Amino acid sequence: MFFTLIHTLHLLAAFTYGGFLFTDILFLQKMQKLSLPGEEGAKCREAIMVHVRKVVPYALFVTVITGAIMFPTVFGEVGPEGLSHMQTVLLFKAFLGLWLGLRGFLQKFFGINPLVFKSHYFPFTLVVIIIILSQIMWTV
């Protein structure tokens, strides 16, 4: 029961974080460039971002923390032949998730903005890769 609760929280938080990135890239940035150019678009986007900053970073932190809680259970024991396909993919997926979490933590609590990949395209790409890895992980 505990694992199911943690897994559900993990998925809800991941959908919140990934959903924001999806909305920002496909809608908000386009709106600012095409529909409401200039200062009006910037004001509109900032009005939305004020509310986003209160929820989305914490959704990322919940995703990373619940992922870390589930990791030992899902990873299991390393067999005598070494890491399985699933364990290898899970390690890579966890690395990308921790990278996103560290990036978000440093930005939210210390105001350290990324030196490279400053837009939301990079985190969005990592989220898409993590989703693909979560599907690949269970094959073979």
Protein backbone atom coordinates (compact mmCIF):
# COMPACT_ATOMS: atom_id res chain seq x y z
CA MET A 1 0.00 0.00 0.00
CA PHE A 2 2.83 2.40 0.86
CA PHE A 3 4.53 1.81 -2.49
CA THR A 4 1.26 2.45 -4.36
CA LEU A 5 0.76 5.75 -2.51
CA ILE A 6 4.32 6.89 -3.22
CA HIS A 7 4.03 5.81 -6.86
CA THR A 8 0.75 7.73 -7.26
CA LEU A 9 2.30 10.87 -5.73
CA HIS A 10 5.29 10.44 -8.02
CA LEU A 11 3.13 10.26 -11.13
CA LEU A 12 0.91 13.20 -10.13
CA ALA A 13 3.91 15.39 -9.37
CA ALA A 14 5.66 14.33 -12.59
CA PHE A 15 2.54 15.15 -14.60
CA THR A 16 2.38 18.57 -12.93
CA TYR A 17 6.03 19.36 -13.69
CA GLY A 18 6.03 17.91 -17.20
CA GLY A 19 2.63 19.42 -17.96
CA PHE A 20 3.89 22.89 -17.12
CA LEU A 21 6.93 22.45 -19.38
CA PHE A 22 4.66 21.22 -22.17
CA THR A 23 2.28 24.17 -21.72
CA ASP A 24 5.10 26.70 -21.52
CA ILE A 25 6.88 25.51 -24.65
CA LEU A 26 3.86 24.85 -26.83
CA PHE A 27 1.57 27.66 -25.72
CA LEU A 28 2.94 30.38 -23.46
CA GLN A 29 6.12 31.08 -25.42
CA LYS A 30 4.19 31.07 -28.71
CA MET A 31 1.56 33.37 -27.23
CA GLN A 32 4.25 35.81 -26.19
CA LYS A 33 5.81 35.79 -29.66
CA LEU A 34 2.73 35.66 -31.89
CA SER A 35 -0.48 36.72 -30.16
CA LEU A 36 0.68 39.21 -27.55
CA PRO A 37 4.04 40.57 -28.67
CA GLY A 38 6.13 42.98 -26.65
CA GLU A 39 5.35 44.20 -23.17
CA GLU A 40 1.78 42.91 -23.17
CA GLY A 41 2.93 39.32 -23.79
CA ALA A 42 5.65 39.59 -21.15
CA LYS A 43 3.11 40.88 -18.60
CA CYS A 44 0.66 38.11 -19.41
CA ARG A 45 3.32 35.40 -19.15
CA GLU A 46 4.65 36.82 -15.88
CA ALA A 47 1.11 36.92 -14.43
CA ILE A 48 0.90 33.17 -15.06
CA MET A 49 4.46 32.47 -13.91
CA VAL A 50 3.81 34.05 -10.50
CA HIS A 51 1.39 31.23 -9.77
CA VAL A 52 3.51 28.58 -11.49
CA ARG A 53 6.51 29.35 -9.26
CA LYS A 54 4.39 28.52 -6.20
CA VAL A 55 3.59 24.97 -7.39
CA VAL A 56 5.83 23.60 -10.13
CA PRO A 57 9.23 23.59 -8.34
CA TYR A 58 7.69 21.69 -5.44
CA ALA A 59 6.14 19.21 -7.86
CA LEU A 60 9.65 18.57 -9.18
CA PHE A 61 10.97 18.06 -5.64
CA VAL A 62 8.13 15.63 -4.82
CA THR A 63 8.89 13.74 -8.04
CA VAL A 64 12.58 13.41 -7.17
CA ILE A 65 11.96 12.48 -3.51
CA THR A 66 9.30 9.88 -4.30
CA GLY A 67 11.53 8.51 -7.07
CA ALA A 68 14.36 8.15 -4.57
CA ILE A 69 12.02 6.37 -2.13
CA MET A 70 10.89 3.91 -4.82
CA PHE A 71 14.37 3.36 -6.27
CA PRO A 72 15.60 0.58 -3.94
CA THR A 73 12.38 -1.40 -4.33
CA VAL A 74 12.29 -1.15 -8.11
CA PHE A 75 16.06 -1.58 -8.59
CA GLY A 76 16.23 -4.77 -6.58
CA GLU A 77 19.41 -6.76 -6.10
CA VAL A 78 22.23 -7.00 -8.61
CA GLY A 79 22.47 -10.56 -9.87
CA PRO A 80 25.67 -12.54 -10.27
CA GLU A 81 25.74 -11.66 -13.99
CA GLY A 82 25.71 -7.91 -13.19
CA LEU A 83 23.13 -5.24 -13.86
CA SER A 84 20.03 -6.24 -15.77
CA HIS A 85 18.68 -4.20 -18.68
CA MET A 86 16.03 -2.71 -16.40
CA GLN A 87 18.57 -1.76 -13.72
CA THR A 88 20.85 -0.06 -16.26
CA VAL A 89 18.00 1.98 -17.74
CA LEU A 90 16.68 2.81 -14.25
CA LEU A 91 20.12 4.11 -13.22
CA PHE A 92 20.24 6.41 -16.24
CA LYS A 93 16.66 7.56 -15.61
CA ALA A 94 17.47 8.27 -11.96
CA PHE A 95 20.57 10.23 -12.97
CA LEU A 96 18.51 12.46 -15.29
CA GLY A 97 15.84 12.93 -12.60
CA LEU A 98 18.43 13.87 -9.98
CA TRP A 99 20.02 16.30 -12.42
CA LEU A 100 16.65 17.99 -12.96
CA GLY A 101 16.02 18.02 -9.20
CA LEU A 102 19.42 19.53 -8.41
CA ARG A 103 18.98 22.13 -11.14
CA GLY A 104 15.55 23.08 -9.78
CA PHE A 105 16.74 23.10 -6.16
CA LEU A 106 19.67 25.40 -6.90
CA GLN A 107 17.44 27.70 -8.91
CA LYS A 108 14.57 27.84 -6.41
CA PHE A 109 16.45 28.13 -3.12
CA PHE A 110 19.77 29.71 -4.07
CA GLY A 111 18.81 31.74 -7.14
CA ILE A 112 21.52 30.01 -9.16
CA ASN A 113 20.32 29.99 -12.73
CA PRO A 114 21.74 27.43 -15.14
CA LEU A 115 24.83 28.54 -17.03
CA VAL A 116 23.67 26.72 -20.15
CA PHE A 117 20.28 25.48 -21.30
CA LYS A 118 18.46 28.44 -19.75
CA SER A 119 15.11 27.87 -21.47
CA HIS A 120 12.60 25.17 -20.65
CA TYR A 121 13.51 23.19 -23.78
CA PHE A 122 16.28 21.28 -21.97
CA PRO A 123 14.20 20.18 -18.94
CA PHE A 124 11.34 19.32 -21.30
CA THR A 125 13.68 17.17 -23.39
CA LEU A 126 14.91 15.40 -20.25
CA VAL A 127 11.33 14.75 -19.14
CA VAL A 128 10.49 13.25 -22.54
CA ILE A 129 13.64 11.08 -22.36
CA ILE A 130 12.71 9.97 -18.82
CA ILE A 131 9.20 9.02 -20.02
CA ILE A 132 10.65 7.01 -22.90
CA LEU A 133 13.15 5.34 -20.56
CA SER A 134 10.37 4.42 -18.15
CA GLN A 135 8.71 2.51 -20.99
CA ILE A 136 11.91 0.95 -22.33
CA MET A 137 12.92 -0.09 -18.82
CA TRP A 138 10.33 -2.85 -18.63
CA THR A 139 11.05 -4.39 -22.03
CA VAL A 140 13.43 -7.33 -22.58
